[in-house]
Protein backbone atom coordinates (compact mmCIF):
# COMPACT_ATOMS: atom_id res chain seq x y z
CA MET A 1 36.99 14.74 -2.67
CA LYS A 2 33.50 13.16 -2.37
CA ARG A 3 35.16 9.96 -3.74
CA VAL A 4 38.16 10.17 -1.03
CA LEU A 5 35.92 11.01 1.75
CA ASP A 6 33.66 7.87 0.73
CA ILE A 7 36.92 5.11 0.69
CA MET A 8 37.97 6.76 3.87
CA ILE A 9 34.86 6.37 5.43
CA SER A 10 34.23 3.23 4.36
CA LEU A 11 37.53 1.97 5.47
CA VAL A 12 36.93 2.90 8.66
CA ALA A 13 33.35 1.72 9.25
CA LEU A 14 34.57 -1.44 7.94
CA VAL A 15 37.42 -1.94 10.45
CA ALA A 16 34.91 -0.25 13.27
CA LEU A 17 32.33 -2.67 12.35
CA ALA A 18 34.03 -5.88 11.63
CA PRO A 19 33.29 -7.61 14.97
CA LEU A 20 30.01 -7.13 14.41
CA LEU A 21 29.67 -7.70 11.14
CA MET A 22 31.64 -11.50 11.88
CA LEU A 23 29.12 -12.04 14.66
CA VAL A 24 25.89 -11.75 11.99
CA MET A 25 27.79 -13.79 9.11
CA ILE A 26 28.03 -16.52 11.74
CA ILE A 27 24.45 -16.41 12.95
CA LEU A 28 23.37 -16.28 9.53
CA ARG A 29 25.20 -19.11 8.87
CA LEU A 30 23.73 -21.42 11.48
CA THR A 31 20.20 -19.89 11.48
CA GLY A 32 17.64 -19.91 8.93
CA GLU A 33 18.70 -21.43 5.51
CA GLY A 34 22.34 -20.73 6.11
CA ASP A 35 22.67 -18.10 3.06
CA VAL A 36 24.78 -14.70 4.66
CA PHE A 37 24.79 -12.83 1.91
CA TYR A 38 22.00 -11.72 -0.88
CA ILE A 39 23.39 -9.82 -4.23
CA GLN A 40 20.93 -7.97 -6.53
CA LYS A 41 21.13 -6.18 -9.92
CA ARG A 42 20.38 -2.26 -9.09
CA ILE A 43 20.63 0.63 -11.66
CA GLY A 44 24.15 2.40 -10.42
CA TYR A 45 25.82 5.39 -12.07
CA LYS A 46 25.03 6.47 -15.65
CA MET A 47 22.48 3.44 -15.97
CA LYS A 48 25.59 0.93 -15.17
CA PRO A 49 24.03 -2.38 -13.38
CA PHE A 50 26.22 -3.80 -10.23
CA GLY A 51 25.55 -5.98 -7.55
CA LEU A 52 24.12 -4.70 -4.34
CA ILE A 53 25.10 -6.54 -1.46
CA LYS A 54 23.19 -7.27 1.67
CA PHE A 55 22.97 -9.59 4.51
CA VAL A 56 20.10 -12.43 3.73
CA THR A 57 16.65 -11.38 5.57
CA MET A 58 14.26 -13.08 3.72
CA ALA A 59 13.50 -16.79 2.43
CA ARG A 60 15.19 -17.90 -0.67
CA GLY A 61 13.23 -17.34 -3.88
CA SER A 62 11.35 -14.63 -2.05
CA GLU A 63 11.60 -12.45 -4.71
CA LYS A 64 9.12 -14.74 -7.14
CA MET A 65 6.60 -14.99 -4.00
CA ALA A 66 3.98 -12.55 -2.85
CA SER A 67 4.77 -9.19 -3.40
CA GLY A 68 8.05 -9.90 -5.48
CA ASP A 69 10.79 -7.35 -4.73
CA ILE A 70 8.43 -4.91 -2.55
CA THR A 71 8.67 -6.53 1.40
CA ARG A 72 5.61 -5.27 3.71
CA LYS A 73 4.90 -5.02 7.28
CA ASP A 74 5.08 -8.72 8.78
CA ASP A 75 6.07 -10.22 5.72
CA PRO A 76 6.07 -13.67 5.82
CA ARG A 77 9.06 -13.98 3.85
CA VAL A 78 11.38 -12.38 6.41
CA LEU A 79 13.49 -15.14 8.64
CA PRO A 80 13.51 -14.42 12.06
CA PHE A 81 16.63 -13.22 12.77
CA GLY A 82 16.25 -10.91 9.16
CA LYS A 83 13.40 -8.83 11.39
CA ILE A 84 16.23 -7.65 13.62
CA LEU A 85 18.66 -7.19 10.70
CA ARG A 86 16.02 -5.15 8.87
CA LYS A 87 14.76 -3.11 11.80
CA THR A 88 18.33 -1.88 12.72
CA LYS A 89 19.49 -1.74 9.05
CA ILE A 90 22.54 -3.60 9.85
CA ASN A 91 21.46 -5.81 6.84
CA GLU A 92 22.65 -2.84 4.42
CA LEU A 93 26.12 -2.77 6.09
CA PRO A 94 27.69 -5.23 3.33
CA GLN A 95 27.15 -2.04 1.17
CA ILE A 96 30.06 -0.70 2.84
CA ILE A 97 32.01 -2.97 0.02
CA ASN A 98 30.10 -1.50 -2.53
CA VAL A 99 31.38 1.90 -1.78
CA LEU A 100 35.16 0.69 -1.84
CA LYS A 101 34.56 -0.71 -5.32
CA GLY A 102 33.37 2.56 -6.29
CA ASP A 103 29.56 1.02 -7.15
CA MET A 104 28.12 3.66 -4.60
CA SER A 105 28.79 6.42 -2.21
CA ILE A 106 27.80 7.22 0.98
CA ILE A 107 25.15 9.10 0.54
CA GLY A 108 23.15 9.67 -2.95
CA PRO A 109 19.86 8.02 -4.22
CA ARG A 110 19.05 4.85 -2.89
CA PRO A 111 20.09 2.53 -5.87
CA LEU A 112 16.99 0.97 -7.65
CA THR A 113 15.73 -2.33 -9.43
CA LEU A 114 15.03 -1.59 -13.07
CA LYS A 115 11.41 -2.11 -12.55
CA HIS A 116 11.15 0.38 -9.51
CA PHE A 117 13.92 2.72 -11.76
CA ASN A 118 10.82 2.78 -14.59
CA TYR A 119 8.37 3.82 -11.96
CA TYR A 120 10.04 7.24 -12.02
CA ALA A 121 9.38 10.26 -14.60
CA ASP A 122 12.09 10.46 -17.44
CA GLU A 123 13.29 13.84 -15.73
CA VAL A 124 13.87 12.06 -12.60
CA LYS A 125 15.54 9.36 -14.20
CA GLU A 126 18.01 11.59 -15.34
CA VAL A 127 18.63 13.15 -12.46
CA ILE A 128 19.37 9.75 -10.66
CA ALA A 129 21.61 8.46 -13.72
CA GLN A 130 23.95 11.15 -13.02
CA MET A 131 24.64 10.45 -9.46
CA HIS A 132 26.37 7.45 -7.63
CA PRO A 133 23.56 5.66 -5.46
CA GLY A 134 24.03 6.24 -1.92
CA LEU A 135 24.23 3.69 1.31
CA SER A 136 21.72 6.85 2.30
CA GLY A 137 20.31 9.72 1.35
CA ALA A 138 17.05 11.89 1.97
CA GLY A 139 14.88 8.92 0.64
CA SER A 140 16.10 6.58 2.97
CA ILE A 141 15.59 8.49 5.80
CA PHE A 142 12.46 9.31 5.33
CA PHE A 143 11.00 6.22 3.75
CA ARG A 144 12.79 4.24 6.41
CA ASN A 145 9.74 2.71 7.45
CA GLU A 146 8.58 1.71 4.16
CA GLU A 147 7.57 -1.76 4.79
CA THR A 148 4.69 -0.31 7.20
CA LEU A 149 3.51 1.96 4.66
CA MET A 150 2.59 -0.99 2.27
CA ALA A 151 0.26 -2.62 5.09
CA ASP A 152 -3.22 -2.77 4.72
CA LEU A 153 -3.63 -1.47 1.00
CA ASP A 154 -6.71 -2.39 -1.31
CA MET A 155 -4.32 -1.83 -4.58
CA SER A 156 -1.38 -3.64 -5.45
CA CYS A 157 1.63 -2.72 -3.72
CA HIS A 158 3.54 -1.85 -6.89
CA ASP A 159 0.98 0.43 -8.16
CA PHE A 160 0.75 2.07 -4.47
CA TYR A 161 4.64 2.69 -4.84
CA LYS A 162 4.35 3.72 -8.54
CA GLN A 163 1.42 6.37 -7.80
CA HIS A 164 2.44 7.57 -4.48
CA ILE A 165 6.03 6.89 -3.18
CA ALA A 166 7.78 7.39 -6.09
CA PRO A 167 6.56 10.64 -6.92
CA TYR A 168 7.87 11.74 -3.40
CA LYS A 169 11.22 9.87 -3.73
CA GLY A 170 11.66 11.49 -7.31
CA GLU A 171 11.37 15.17 -5.45
CA LEU A 172 13.76 14.38 -2.50
CA GLU A 173 16.26 13.02 -5.35
CA ILE A 174 16.28 16.18 -7.28
CA TRP A 175 16.53 18.32 -3.98
CA TYR A 176 19.73 16.11 -2.87
CA GLN A 177 20.98 17.01 -7.15
CA HIS A 178 20.80 20.62 -6.14
CA ASN A 179 22.37 20.43 -2.73
CA ARG A 180 25.39 18.47 -3.05
CA TYR A 181 27.50 19.82 -0.56
CA LEU A 182 29.71 18.28 1.86
CA TRP A 183 27.82 19.57 4.94
CA VAL A 184 24.51 18.27 3.71
CA ASP A 185 26.12 14.82 3.04
CA MET A 186 27.56 15.02 6.88
CA MET A 187 23.88 16.22 8.15
CA LEU A 188 22.45 13.18 6.14
CA VAL A 189 24.54 10.84 7.71
CA PHE A 190 24.02 12.02 11.16
CA LEU A 191 20.34 11.66 10.21
CA THR A 192 20.68 8.05 9.19
CA ALA A 193 21.92 7.30 12.93
CA TRP A 194 18.88 9.69 14.47
CA VAL A 195 16.36 8.06 12.65
CA ILE A 196 17.40 4.49 13.92
CA VAL A 197 17.28 5.57 17.45
CA PHE A 198 14.27 7.86 17.11
CA PRO A 199 12.04 6.53 14.01
CA LYS A 200 9.52 9.27 14.60
CA THR A 201 11.83 12.47 14.32
CA ASN A 202 11.00 15.28 11.69
CA LEU A 203 14.39 16.47 12.34
CA ILE A 204 15.31 16.59 8.48
CA PHE A 205 12.65 19.09 8.07
CA ARG A 206 13.94 21.66 10.61
CA LEU A 207 17.88 20.90 9.45
CA PHE A 208 16.64 21.47 5.70
CA GLN A 209 14.26 24.09 5.71
CA SER A 210 14.41 23.68 1.69
CA ILE A 211 13.61 19.94 1.25
CA PRO A 212 10.11 19.10 -0.52
CA GLN A 213 7.76 18.46 2.54
CA GLY A 214 6.21 14.99 2.88
CA PRO A 215 2.90 13.48 2.18
CA VAL A 216 0.96 13.54 5.44
CA PHE A 217 0.18 9.42 4.82
CA LEU A 218 3.62 8.48 5.11
CA MET A 219 4.67 9.67 8.28
CA ASP A 220 4.76 7.17 11.02
CA LYS A 221 1.75 5.50 12.81
CA ARG A 222 2.17 8.14 15.52
CA ASP A 223 2.10 11.11 12.79
CA ARG A 224 -1.11 9.58 10.90
CA LYS A 225 -3.00 9.77 14.29
CA GLY A 226 -2.37 13.36 14.11
CA SER A 227 -0.17 14.58 16.69
CA LYS A 228 -0.04 18.79 16.51
CA SER A 229 3.72 19.19 16.18
CA SER A 230 4.40 16.75 13.28
CA VAL A 231 0.96 17.95 11.51
CA ARG A 232 2.09 21.48 11.76
CA VAL A 233 5.54 20.26 9.83
CA ILE A 234 3.17 19.75 7.02
CA GLU A 235 0.56 22.41 7.06
CA ASP A 236 3.19 24.89 7.35
CA ALA A 237 5.05 23.52 4.46
CA PRO A 238 4.95 25.28 0.53
CA ARG A 239 4.10 22.14 -0.85
CA ILE A 240 1.60 19.49 0.78
CA VAL A 241 0.63 15.87 -1.08
CA GLU A 242 -1.96 14.63 1.53
CA ILE A 243 -3.47 11.29 1.68
CA GLY A 244 -5.96 10.77 4.57
CA PRO A 245 -6.48 7.54 6.33
CA THR A 246 -9.55 6.58 4.12
CA ALA A 247 -8.28 7.73 0.87
CA ARG A 248 -4.96 5.44 1.37
CA LYS A 249 -7.12 2.56 2.18
CA ALA A 250 -9.21 2.90 -1.11
CA GLY A 251 -6.02 3.61 -2.84
CA GLN A 252 -7.41 7.04 -3.74
CA SER A 253 -5.13 10.31 -3.32
CA LYS A 254 -6.01 14.38 -2.64
CA VAL A 255 -2.97 15.97 -4.25
CA SER A 256 -2.68 19.89 -3.59
CA HIS A 257 0.58 21.65 -4.77
CA GLU A 258 1.37 25.23 -4.73
CA ARG A 259 3.66 25.73 -7.61
């Protein structure tokens, strides 16, 4: 049933978005370095690698520069038009083709490079490997501002990802594996569009009461300043992972788990 819905939604989306996709392809061809698509090897269902398709947003050879395959806020490798594509997530739309091919699903864990896949605990790897990676998902929604989180670090961005981001992403993927229902997928599709328009929203925590609560330091800039409404969402959570601004800059974490 899920595969049938993936095909139907992908076909409709491809037809509906065709004018936008063609426009983006023309602009990319005429600007930047002239490249249109970027294909990167990712880990798929049952550990089968596949080529993830994206619109080009960065200069050629970017994966061999600076922070490698991790993009940071105001990353100089990002092309001018690429900034627009990344902010709106339009650069991800070619993955509709991956969904049609059966490499991916509309909703699922985000497909990882082998390097990032190995940052996860073994039990998380087992869970991720048993699901088709998704065009979007709980991890994608919560971490839509991941580039901002990588700014102003006094530690390697890869170490930061491994120590602080991967553990929570793993919790989200395990949560999804236990809640793979049609209505959950539909809500996640809705939330994917919602956070593009309202990036500071905490709606995901209101719609899914059982979802693991996010570390305070991973909230967007407004929430890190401590607005009462967003802080309350975290403080009321049964599980709290908190890294304050000072600890974040120093690369030190304060973790409190209630099991």
